[in-house]
C-alpha atoms as a PDB file:
ATOM      1  CA  MET A   1     -17.826 -45.125-171.060  1.00  0.00           C
ATOM      2  CA  PRO A   2     -18.429 -44.791-167.322  1.00  0.00           C
ATOM      3  CA  SER A   3     -15.411 -44.678-165.045  1.00  0.00           C
ATOM      4  CA  ARG A   4     -15.007 -47.045-162.121  1.00  0.00           C
ATOM      5  CA  ALA A   5     -15.245 -44.359-159.391  1.00  0.00           C
ATOM      6  CA  PRO A   6     -19.003 -43.501-159.612  1.00  0.00           C
ATOM      7  CA  ILE A   7     -19.924 -47.178-160.066  1.00  0.00           C
ATOM      8  CA  LYS A   8     -17.804 -48.115-157.045  1.00  0.00           C
ATOM      9  CA  LEU A   9     -19.714 -45.650-154.846  1.00  0.00           C
ATOM     10  CA  LYS A  10     -23.083 -47.084-155.991  1.00  0.00           C
ATOM     11  CA  VAL A  11     -21.980 -50.700-155.506  1.00  0.00           C
ATOM     12  CA  LEU A  12     -20.600 -49.923-152.021  1.00  0.00           C
ATOM     13  CA  ASN A  13     -23.902 -48.323-151.075  1.00  0.00           C
ATOM     14  CA  VAL A  14     -25.876 -51.358-152.200  1.00  0.00           C
ATOM     15  CA  ILE A  15     -23.596 -53.808-150.385  1.00  0.00           C
ATOM     16  CA  ALA A  16     -23.566 -51.701-147.244  1.00  0.00           C
ATOM     17  CA  ALA A  17     -27.349 -51.501-147.205  1.00  0.00           C
ATOM     18  CA  ILE A  18     -27.751 -55.263-147.673  1.00  0.00           C
ATOM     19  CA  ALA A  19     -25.100 -56.048-145.086  1.00  0.00           C
ATOM     20  CA  HIS A  20     -26.557 -53.532-142.585  1.00  0.00           C
ATOM     21  CA  ARG A  21     -23.282 -51.583-142.405  1.00  0.00           C
ATOM     22  CA  SER A  22     -22.340 -48.021-142.969  1.00  0.00           C
ATOM     23  CA  LYS A  23     -20.936 -47.382-146.444  1.00  0.00           C
ATOM     24  CA  ASP A  24     -17.617 -46.164-144.975  1.00  0.00           C
ATOM     25  CA  SER A  25     -17.038 -49.500-143.275  1.00  0.00           C
ATOM     26  CA  VAL A  26     -17.249 -51.611-146.500  1.00  0.00           C
ATOM     27  CA  GLN A  27     -13.849 -52.030-148.069  1.00  0.00           C
ATOM     28  CA  GLU A  28     -12.878 -53.490-151.432  1.00  0.00           C
ATOM     29  CA  SER A  29     -10.714 -56.230-149.848  1.00  0.00           C
ATOM     30  CA  GLN A  30     -13.614 -57.664-147.804  1.00  0.00           C
ATOM     31  CA  THR A  31     -15.192 -60.927-148.661  1.00  0.00           C
ATOM     32  CA  LEU A  32     -18.934 -60.893-149.219  1.00  0.00           C
ATOM     33  CA  ASP A  33     -19.596 -64.134-147.394  1.00  0.00           C
ATOM     34  CA  GLY A  34     -17.020 -64.205-144.567  1.00  0.00           C
ATOM     35  CA  ASP A  35     -16.509 -60.535-143.761  1.00  0.00           C
ATOM     36  CA  LEU A  36     -20.010 -59.173-144.591  1.00  0.00           C
ATOM     37  CA  GLY A  37     -22.133 -62.265-144.015  1.00  0.00           C
ATOM     38  CA  LEU A  38     -23.791 -62.322-147.411  1.00  0.00           C
ATOM     39  CA  GLY A  39     -24.615 -65.930-148.318  1.00  0.00           C
ATOM     40  CA  GLY A  40     -25.122 -67.320-151.731  1.00  0.00           C
ATOM     41  CA  THR A  41     -28.834 -66.507-152.000  1.00  0.00           C
ATOM     42  CA  VAL A  42     -28.246 -62.895-150.904  1.00  0.00           C
ATOM     43  CA  ARG A  43     -25.378 -62.536-153.324  1.00  0.00           C
ATOM     44  CA  ALA A  44     -27.571 -63.844-156.119  1.00  0.00           C
ATOM     45  CA  ALA A  45     -30.213 -61.256-155.241  1.00  0.00           C
ATOM     46  CA  LEU A  46     -27.587 -58.514-155.780  1.00  0.00           C
ATOM     47  CA  ALA A  47     -28.017 -59.143-159.463  1.00  0.00           C
ATOM     48  CA  VAL A  48     -31.101 -56.907-159.489  1.00  0.00           C
ATOM     49  CA  PRO A  49     -29.622 -53.711-158.026  1.00  0.00           C
ATOM     50  CA  PHE A  50     -26.297 -54.359-159.866  1.00  0.00           C
ATOM     51  CA  THR A  51     -28.178 -54.633-163.163  1.00  0.00           C
ATOM     52  CA  ARG A  52     -30.032 -51.406-162.344  1.00  0.00           C
ATOM     53  CA  ILE A  53     -26.663 -49.624-161.790  1.00  0.00           C
ATOM     54  CA  ALA A  54     -25.187 -51.047-165.030  1.00  0.00           C
ATOM     55  CA  ARG A  55     -28.201 -50.070-167.108  1.00  0.00           C
ATOM     56  CA  GLU A  56     -27.984 -46.413-165.986  1.00  0.00           C
ATOM     57  CA  TYR A  57     -25.389 -46.226-168.822  1.00  0.00           C
ATOM     58  CA  PRO A  58     -26.133 -46.541-172.558  1.00  0.00           C
ATOM     59  CA  GLU A  59     -23.934 -49.663-173.053  1.00  0.00           C
ATOM     60  CA  GLY A  60     -25.143 -51.319-169.830  1.00  0.00           C
ATOM     61  CA  LYS A  61     -25.829 -55.013-169.690  1.00  0.00           C
ATOM     62  CA  ARG A  62     -27.493 -57.134-167.049  1.00  0.00           C
ATOM     63  CA  VAL A  63     -25.773 -58.995-164.233  1.00  0.00           C
ATOM     64  CA  THR A  64     -27.039 -62.583-164.033  1.00  0.00           C
ATOM     65  CA  LEU A  65     -27.981 -64.403-160.873  1.00  0.00           C
ATOM     66  CA  LEU A  66     -25.121 -66.856-161.396  1.00  0.00           C
ATOM     67  CA  GLU A  67     -22.570 -64.110-161.880  1.00  0.00           C
ATOM     68  CA  ALA A  68     -23.769 -62.317-158.697  1.00  0.00           C
ATOM     69  CA  ARG A  69     -23.793 -65.507-156.658  1.00  0.00           C
ATOM     70  CA  ALA A  70     -20.222 -66.354-157.732  1.00  0.00           C
ATOM     71  CA  LEU A  71     -18.814 -63.034-156.407  1.00  0.00           C
ATOM     72  CA  LYS A  72     -16.341 -63.518-153.556  1.00  0.00           C
ATOM     73  CA  THR A  73     -15.113 -59.968-152.760  1.00  0.00           C
ATOM     74  CA  VAL A  74     -16.398 -56.461-152.833  1.00  0.00           C
ATOM     75  CA  GLN A  75     -13.720 -55.680-155.433  1.00  0.00           C
ATOM     76  CA  GLU A  76     -15.034 -58.443-157.699  1.00  0.00           C
ATOM     77  CA  ALA A  77     -18.576 -56.979-157.363  1.00  0.00           C
ATOM     78  CA  ILE A  78     -17.371 -53.487-158.337  1.00  0.00           C
ATOM     79  CA  ASP A  79     -15.379 -54.819-161.271  1.00  0.00           C
ATOM     80  CA  LEU A  80     -18.296 -56.871-162.543  1.00  0.00           C
ATOM     81  CA  VAL A  81     -20.727 -53.964-162.452  1.00  0.00           C
ATOM     82  CA  HIS A  82     -18.123 -51.663-164.053  1.00  0.00           C
ATOM     83  CA  ALA A  83     -17.648 -54.211-166.889  1.00  0.00           C
ATOM     84  CA  ARG A  84     -21.389 -54.611-167.387  1.00  0.00           C
ATOM     85  CA  ALA A  85     -21.907 -50.779-167.407  1.00  0.00           C
ATOM     86  CA  ASN A  86     -19.351 -50.595-170.185  1.00  0.00           C
ATOM     87  CA  GLY A  87     -21.103 -53.299-172.196  1.00  0.00           C
ATOM     88  CA  VAL A  88     -18.485 -56.009-171.494  1.00  0.00           C
ATOM     89  CA  GLY A  89     -19.657 -59.556-170.985  1.00  0.00           C
END
C-alpha cells in the first residue's frame, strides 16, 4: 500500500503545473477554485493525471470526472488520489 507522502508530492506537482504556480506555493489548505483559479472543467480534467498517479500502484483505481470536478481543496485531491492508489472507492 502506498503511503500518502509520495502521492502528495505527485498531486501537488500536477496542481501546481495546471495552476501555473511553483509547487512550493501550493498548500493543502488552499481551495482549487478560489485560491488557485481552477474552475469545474479544469478540475474535471484533473481526473486523467490523477488516475495516472493512482494506477502507478498495483491496487490503483481510476478517478472519475465527477469525483475530480467535486474536489474543493488541495487536501481533498491528495486524499482522493491516495484512496484510489490503495484501491479504495
